[in-house]
């Protein structure tokens, strides 16, 4: 109920995810998992919020009684203006609180929210708790490049961090990358203002030593390449970048802004003349593919790594496509038991070499 246009995109996106996960009809076509279908449902979603509004949206998209979609009523809504800590105490029956409790009880295996990200973090911490050994959870997400995707951790959960926390972000990011991007030994870098050892701040210099020590373990599961600059992120020299949430969030928003601006400039140039319009028509398939790669809606959301459960934080402006992909991402992470793998990585890094 907390997204910018909630609950429309949330309901439509959830329904789309369930329908795409339905088994095919034996001829390669996906079938709608409706109330009368006999085939098993591949994905189930519980919509949490005001029952009247949610059922109205389900009716609008032709999904009343949809098999695999249920509604859990909640009387309150966490808004973007609510204080993350206070709202947990004051709105005990919010859709966010109820949804998080569903995961805690085992009735659900993952949580997806496009609402107040600070409130998602506070609810995950208070209800689900942290994985053993984790100081602070971090938000991890992937970015597309010409050389393949890379992972950034943290992109917004922690503004002020300690060196040990920053070192953990490297470990969490590497574990995330191994599961999501299937790299057996990801290359990890620490974001700084230069690659030389003397660069950075007291924070990065202290974290540098800790990450190097963790990577020196024979069972570390990643290679540490040292400091990396912002320009290195797009050169294919690093798979995972560890940074504080303040810097990481700026990286995230700048990347989104630049990608959108460049795409807009290309479209504008192609429309300037008849020759450009002809070239644009020829390049249309490639441009559509490029737009799909850089659109945050195609990613769906980011993982809150370090809490004892799968929690996906989606963009507040998520549309139907973004919500659908966020739900599918949550399903994938739950099936992969991603928190268990993150916990193992943290436990390994904490053991003496």
Protein backbone atom coordinates (compact mmCIF):
# COMPACT_ATOMS: atom_id res chain seq x y z
CA UNK A 1 0.00 0.00 0.00
CA UNK A 2 3.00 2.34 0.22
CA UNK A 3 4.07 2.91 -3.40
CA UNK A 4 3.56 6.19 -5.20
CA UNK A 5 0.51 4.88 -7.11
CA UNK A 6 -0.50 2.07 -4.74
CA UNK A 7 -2.26 -0.28 -4.84
CA UNK A 8 -2.82 -0.36 -8.62
CA UNK A 9 0.67 -1.35 -9.84
CA UNK A 10 1.17 -3.70 -6.89
CA UNK A 11 -1.97 -5.67 -7.64
CA UNK A 12 -1.52 -5.76 -11.41
CA UNK A 13 2.17 -6.64 -11.07
CA UNK A 14 1.52 -9.43 -8.59
CA UNK A 15 -1.19 -10.92 -10.78
CA UNK A 16 1.11 -10.76 -13.81
CA UNK A 17 3.88 -12.55 -11.89
CA UNK A 18 1.52 -15.33 -10.82
CA UNK A 19 0.16 -15.78 -14.33
CA UNK A 20 3.63 -15.91 -15.89
CA UNK A 21 4.67 -18.54 -13.35
CA UNK A 22 1.71 -20.77 -14.18
CA UNK A 23 2.61 -24.04 -15.97
CA UNK A 24 2.07 -24.14 -19.71
CA UNK A 25 -0.79 -25.91 -21.41
CA UNK A 26 1.34 -28.62 -23.03
CA UNK A 27 1.77 -26.62 -26.23
CA UNK A 28 4.30 -24.13 -24.88
CA UNK A 29 1.75 -21.44 -24.02
CA UNK A 30 1.37 -20.07 -20.52
CA UNK A 31 -2.12 -20.52 -19.09
CA UNK A 32 -3.90 -18.20 -16.73
CA UNK A 33 -4.00 -19.74 -13.25
CA UNK A 34 -7.67 -19.04 -12.64
CA UNK A 35 -10.00 -20.51 -10.07
CA UNK A 36 -11.10 -23.30 -12.39
CA UNK A 37 -7.67 -24.41 -13.59
CA UNK A 38 -6.47 -27.76 -12.30
CA UNK A 39 -2.75 -27.29 -12.87
CA UNK A 40 -0.58 -26.33 -9.86
CA UNK A 41 0.34 -22.71 -9.28
CA UNK A 42 4.05 -21.96 -9.67
CA UNK A 43 3.99 -18.81 -7.55
CA UNK A 44 1.61 -17.57 -4.88
CA UNK A 45 1.24 -13.97 -3.75
CA UNK A 46 -0.49 -12.53 -0.68
CA UNK A 47 -1.61 -8.95 -1.22
CA UNK A 48 -1.55 -7.13 2.13
CA UNK A 49 -3.59 -3.97 2.68
CA UNK A 50 -7.09 -2.56 2.64
CA UNK A 51 -9.22 -5.49 1.50
CA UNK A 52 -11.86 -3.34 -0.21
CA UNK A 53 -9.32 -1.45 -2.29
CA UNK A 54 -7.31 -4.55 -3.12
CA UNK A 55 -10.34 -6.53 -4.22
CA UNK A 56 -11.50 -3.59 -6.33
CA UNK A 57 -8.11 -3.59 -8.10
CA UNK A 58 -8.29 -7.35 -8.57
CA UNK A 59 -11.68 -6.92 -10.20
CA UNK A 60 -10.31 -4.14 -12.41
CA UNK A 61 -7.61 -6.43 -13.83
CA UNK A 62 -9.96 -9.38 -14.13
CA UNK A 63 -8.41 -11.33 -11.29
CA UNK A 64 -11.18 -11.73 -8.69
CA UNK A 65 -10.78 -15.27 -7.36
CA UNK A 66 -7.46 -15.67 -9.16
CA UNK A 67 -5.78 -18.90 -8.11
CA UNK A 68 -2.47 -18.12 -6.44
CA UNK A 69 -3.52 -14.63 -5.29
CA UNK A 70 -5.00 -14.01 -1.83
CA UNK A 71 -5.70 -10.91 0.24
CA UNK A 72 -4.64 -10.27 3.84
CA UNK A 73 -6.43 -7.31 5.40
CA UNK A 74 -4.50 -4.53 7.15
CA UNK A 75 -6.10 -1.41 8.56
CA UNK A 76 -3.17 1.04 8.38
CA UNK A 77 -0.76 2.34 5.74
CA UNK A 78 2.86 3.42 6.13
CA UNK A 79 3.38 6.60 4.12
CA UNK A 80 6.58 8.06 2.70
CA UNK A 81 6.39 10.78 5.38
CA UNK A 82 6.29 8.36 8.32
CA UNK A 83 9.40 8.14 10.50
CA UNK A 84 10.90 4.63 10.04
CA UNK A 85 11.37 3.98 13.76
CA UNK A 86 8.21 5.58 15.07
CA UNK A 87 5.88 3.99 12.54
CA UNK A 88 6.79 0.52 13.77
CA UNK A 89 5.49 1.37 17.24
CA UNK A 90 2.54 3.56 16.22
CA UNK A 91 1.07 1.62 13.28
CA UNK A 92 0.98 -1.93 14.57
CA UNK A 93 -1.51 -3.12 11.94
CA UNK A 94 -0.02 -1.47 8.89
CA UNK A 95 0.22 -3.43 5.65
CA UNK A 96 4.01 -3.41 6.03
CA UNK A 97 3.86 -4.77 9.59
CA UNK A 98 1.37 -7.49 8.69
CA UNK A 99 3.36 -8.51 5.60
CA UNK A 100 6.60 -8.74 7.58
CA UNK A 101 4.87 -10.84 10.23
CA UNK A 102 3.68 -13.22 7.50
CA UNK A 103 7.31 -13.85 6.56
CA UNK A 104 8.34 -14.25 10.20
CA UNK A 105 5.59 -16.83 10.80
CA UNK A 106 6.51 -18.81 7.68
CA UNK A 107 3.20 -18.14 5.94
CA UNK A 108 5.19 -16.27 3.31
CA UNK A 109 8.77 -16.79 2.16
CA UNK A 110 9.56 -13.27 0.97
CA UNK A 111 8.46 -9.66 1.29
CA UNK A 112 8.19 -7.12 -1.53
CA UNK A 113 7.48 -3.44 -0.87
CA UNK A 114 7.59 -0.30 -2.98
CA UNK A 115 6.90 1.86 0.07
CA UNK A 116 9.01 3.78 2.58
CA UNK A 117 12.41 2.05 2.34
CA UNK A 118 13.48 3.23 5.80
CA UNK A 119 10.33 1.71 7.26
CA UNK A 120 10.93 -1.53 5.36
CA UNK A 121 14.39 -1.65 6.95
CA UNK A 122 13.09 -0.97 10.46
CA UNK A 123 10.32 -3.58 10.17
CA UNK A 124 12.73 -6.16 8.79
CA UNK A 125 15.15 -5.51 11.64
CA UNK A 126 12.55 -5.55 14.43
CA UNK A 127 10.45 -8.46 13.14
CA UNK A 128 12.81 -10.69 11.16
CA UNK A 129 16.06 -9.76 12.87
CA UNK A 130 19.60 -9.82 11.52
CA UNK A 131 21.52 -12.82 10.34
CA UNK A 132 24.08 -14.00 12.88
CA UNK A 133 27.19 -11.84 12.77
CA UNK A 134 25.70 -9.07 10.63
CA UNK A 135 26.22 -5.59 12.07
CA UNK A 136 23.83 -3.76 9.75
CA UNK A 137 21.85 -5.01 6.74
CA UNK A 138 22.65 -3.38 3.42
CA UNK A 139 20.80 -2.95 0.14
CA UNK A 140 22.43 -4.84 -2.74
CA UNK A 141 21.50 -4.47 -6.37
CA UNK A 142 22.91 -5.05 -9.83
CA UNK A 143 23.84 -2.63 -12.61
CA UNK A 144 24.11 -3.48 -16.33
CA UNK A 145 27.35 -2.78 -18.22
CA UNK A 146 28.72 -3.76 -21.65
CA UNK A 147 30.84 -6.36 -19.82
CA UNK A 148 28.00 -7.85 -17.82
CA UNK A 149 26.27 -6.85 -14.58
CA UNK A 150 28.03 -5.76 -11.43
CA UNK A 151 26.76 -5.55 -7.85
CA UNK A 152 26.80 -2.54 -5.53
CA UNK A 153 26.34 -2.94 -1.78
CA UNK A 154 25.13 -0.72 -0.02
CA UNK A 155 22.85 1.58 -2.09
CA UNK A 156 20.92 3.29 0.66
CA UNK A 157 20.38 1.44 3.93
CA UNK A 158 23.29 2.92 5.94
CA UNK A 159 24.45 6.52 5.67
CA UNK A 160 27.03 6.40 8.47
CA UNK A 161 29.08 3.23 8.70
CA UNK A 162 32.08 1.78 10.52
CA UNK A 163 35.00 0.04 8.77
CA UNK A 164 33.79 -3.39 9.93
CA UNK A 165 30.35 -2.71 8.42
CA UNK A 166 31.86 -1.62 5.11
CA UNK A 167 33.95 -4.80 5.07
CA UNK A 168 30.79 -6.83 5.64
CA UNK A 169 29.14 -5.10 2.70
CA UNK A 170 31.96 -6.52 0.56
CA UNK A 171 31.28 -10.02 1.88
CA UNK A 172 27.51 -9.71 1.48
CA UNK A 173 27.90 -8.24 -2.00
CA UNK A 174 30.17 -11.09 -3.06
CA UNK A 175 27.75 -13.73 -1.76
CA UNK A 176 24.86 -11.97 -3.52
CA UNK A 177 26.84 -11.85 -6.75
CA UNK A 178 27.68 -15.56 -6.62
CA UNK A 179 23.98 -16.43 -6.40
CA UNK A 180 22.47 -13.79 -8.67
CA UNK A 181 25.14 -13.45 -11.37
CA UNK A 182 26.53 -16.97 -10.90
CA UNK A 183 30.17 -15.98 -10.67
CA UNK A 184 32.17 -18.55 -8.72
CA UNK A 185 34.82 -16.05 -7.58
CA UNK A 186 33.61 -12.44 -7.99
CA UNK A 187 36.14 -9.60 -8.00
CA UNK A 188 35.40 -7.14 -5.21
CA UNK A 189 36.46 -3.52 -5.03
CA UNK A 190 36.09 -0.76 -2.44
CA UNK A 191 34.76 2.48 -3.92
CA UNK A 192 37.14 5.38 -3.45
CA UNK A 193 38.33 8.61 -5.08
CA UNK A 194 41.40 6.93 -6.52
CA UNK A 195 43.01 3.53 -6.92
CA UNK A 196 46.24 4.43 -5.10
CA UNK A 197 46.67 3.04 -1.54
CA UNK A 198 46.93 6.54 -0.06
CA UNK A 199 43.57 7.64 -1.42
CA UNK A 200 40.23 7.48 0.33
CA UNK A 201 39.28 8.39 3.88
CA UNK A 202 40.03 6.94 7.29
CA UNK A 203 36.93 4.82 6.84
CA UNK A 204 37.96 3.33 3.49
CA UNK A 205 41.57 2.81 4.54
CA UNK A 206 40.52 0.88 7.64
CA UNK A 207 37.92 -1.11 5.67
CA UNK A 208 40.54 -1.85 2.99
CA UNK A 209 42.66 -3.77 5.49
CA UNK A 210 39.65 -5.74 6.75
CA UNK A 211 38.44 -6.71 3.26
CA UNK A 212 41.97 -7.71 2.24
CA UNK A 213 42.23 -9.94 5.32
CA UNK A 214 38.84 -11.56 4.58
CA UNK A 215 39.80 -12.17 0.95
CA UNK A 216 43.07 -13.82 2.02
CA UNK A 217 41.16 -16.76 3.49
CA UNK A 218 41.26 -19.85 1.25
CA UNK A 219 37.46 -20.18 1.54
CA UNK A 220 36.70 -16.45 1.10
CA UNK A 221 34.73 -16.94 -2.10
CA UNK A 222 35.90 -13.69 -3.70
CA UNK A 223 39.00 -11.86 -4.93
CA UNK A 224 39.76 -8.41 -3.59
CA UNK A 225 41.10 -5.99 -6.21
CA UNK A 226 41.47 -3.02 -3.84
CA UNK A 227 40.23 0.50 -4.40
CA UNK A 228 38.15 1.25 -7.49
CA UNK A 229 37.07 4.60 -8.89
CA UNK A 230 33.67 5.51 -10.25
CA UNK A 231 34.91 5.18 -13.83
CA UNK A 232 36.10 1.63 -13.14
CA UNK A 233 32.55 0.43 -12.61
CA UNK A 234 31.87 0.33 -16.35
CA UNK A 235 35.19 -1.18 -17.51
CA UNK A 236 34.58 -4.77 -16.52
CA UNK A 237 37.44 -4.83 -14.01
CA UNK A 238 35.24 -5.42 -10.96
CA UNK A 239 32.13 -7.49 -10.22
CA UNK A 240 31.18 -6.16 -6.78
CA UNK A 241 31.60 -2.68 -5.32
CA UNK A 242 31.35 -2.09 -1.58
CA UNK A 243 30.48 1.39 -0.35
CA UNK A 244 28.45 3.18 2.29
CA UNK A 245 24.73 3.72 1.67
CA UNK A 246 25.06 7.48 1.19
CA UNK A 247 27.59 7.15 -1.63
CA UNK A 248 25.93 4.05 -3.05
CA UNK A 249 22.55 5.72 -3.28
CA UNK A 250 24.08 8.63 -5.16
CA UNK A 251 25.74 6.16 -7.56
CA UNK A 252 22.37 4.46 -8.05
CA UNK A 253 20.45 7.68 -8.75
CA UNK A 254 23.17 9.14 -10.99
CA UNK A 255 23.25 5.94 -13.04
CA UNK A 256 19.48 5.97 -13.44
CA UNK A 257 19.51 9.65 -14.40
CA UNK A 258 22.39 9.42 -16.87
CA UNK A 259 20.99 6.31 -18.54
CA UNK A 260 17.61 7.97 -19.01
CA UNK A 261 19.15 11.22 -20.24
CA UNK A 262 21.44 9.51 -22.76
CA UNK A 263 18.57 7.45 -24.11
CA UNK A 264 16.49 10.59 -24.47
CA UNK A 265 19.32 12.41 -26.27
CA UNK A 266 19.72 9.55 -28.74
CA UNK A 267 15.99 9.54 -29.46
CA UNK A 268 16.00 13.32 -29.91
CA UNK A 269 18.94 13.21 -32.33
CA UNK A 270 17.32 10.47 -34.39
CA UNK A 271 14.19 12.57 -34.73
CA UNK A 272 15.97 15.73 -35.91
CA UNK A 273 15.96 14.89 -39.62
CA UNK A 274 14.43 12.48 -42.12
CA UNK A 275 17.74 10.67 -42.33
CA UNK A 276 17.78 10.41 -38.55
CA UNK A 277 14.19 9.16 -38.52
CA UNK A 278 15.10 6.49 -41.08
CA UNK A 279 18.11 5.50 -38.99
CA UNK A 280 15.92 5.45 -35.91
CA UNK A 281 13.48 3.08 -37.59
CA UNK A 282 16.35 0.74 -38.47
CA UNK A 283 17.83 0.99 -34.98
CA UNK A 284 14.48 0.62 -33.18
CA UNK A 285 14.96 -3.04 -32.16
CA UNK A 286 18.41 -2.30 -30.72
CA UNK A 287 17.11 0.80 -28.93
CA UNK A 288 14.25 -1.16 -27.39
CA UNK A 289 16.70 -3.79 -26.18
CA UNK A 290 18.95 -1.07 -24.73
CA UNK A 291 16.04 0.61 -22.95
CA UNK A 292 15.08 -2.73 -21.42
CA UNK A 293 18.62 -3.21 -20.09
CA UNK A 294 18.84 0.19 -18.40
CA UNK A 295 15.23 0.43 -17.14
CA UNK A 296 14.98 -0.08 -13.35
CA UNK A 297 11.60 -1.68 -13.93
CA UNK A 298 13.33 -4.66 -15.53
CA UNK A 299 15.36 -5.25 -12.36
CA UNK A 300 12.29 -4.99 -10.14
CA UNK A 301 13.95 -4.20 -6.84
CA UNK A 302 16.95 -4.58 -4.57
CA UNK A 303 17.68 -7.11 -1.85
CA UNK A 304 17.93 -6.04 1.79
CA UNK A 305 20.92 -8.27 2.50
CA UNK A 306 21.67 -9.30 6.05
CA UNK A 307 18.19 -9.78 7.53
CA UNK A 308 16.80 -13.22 8.33
CA UNK A 309 14.47 -13.42 5.36
CA UNK A 310 14.09 -12.38 1.74
CA UNK A 311 13.12 -8.69 1.60
CA UNK A 312 12.94 -6.85 -1.73
CA UNK A 313 12.79 -3.05 -1.75
CA UNK A 314 11.24 -1.75 -4.95
CA UNK A 315 11.28 1.80 -6.31
CA UNK A 316 8.44 4.00 -5.05
CA UNK A 317 7.54 4.80 -8.64
CA UNK A 318 7.36 1.13 -9.64
CA UNK A 319 4.87 0.38 -12.39
CA UNK A 320 3.22 -2.95 -13.13
CA UNK A 321 6.31 -4.31 -14.89
CA UNK A 322 8.61 -3.31 -12.02
CA UNK A 323 6.36 -4.91 -9.40
CA UNK A 324 6.01 -8.08 -11.47
CA UNK A 325 9.78 -8.39 -11.74
CA UNK A 326 10.25 -7.59 -8.04
CA UNK A 327 7.89 -10.44 -7.13
CA UNK A 328 9.68 -12.82 -9.49
CA UNK A 329 13.03 -11.74 -8.02
CA UNK A 330 11.76 -12.42 -4.50
CA UNK A 331 10.53 -15.85 -5.60
CA UNK A 332 13.92 -16.65 -7.11
CA UNK A 333 15.82 -15.58 -3.99
CA UNK A 334 13.47 -17.53 -1.72
CA UNK A 335 13.88 -20.70 -3.77
CA UNK A 336 17.67 -20.23 -3.68
CA UNK A 337 17.58 -19.81 0.12
CA UNK A 338 19.67 -16.68 -0.37
CA UNK A 339 19.69 -15.62 3.33
CA UNK A 340 21.22 -18.99 4.24
CA UNK A 341 24.01 -18.45 1.75
CA UNK A 342 24.61 -14.91 3.01
CA UNK A 343 24.76 -16.21 6.58
CA UNK A 344 27.37 -18.78 5.60
CA UNK A 345 29.49 -16.10 3.93
CA UNK A 346 29.37 -13.88 7.02
CA UNK A 347 30.21 -16.81 9.31
CA UNK A 348 33.18 -17.76 7.13
CA UNK A 349 34.56 -14.21 7.08
CA UNK A 350 34.30 -13.99 10.88
CA UNK A 351 36.32 -17.14 11.53
CA UNK A 352 40.06 -16.79 12.16
CA UNK A 353 42.16 -17.55 9.10
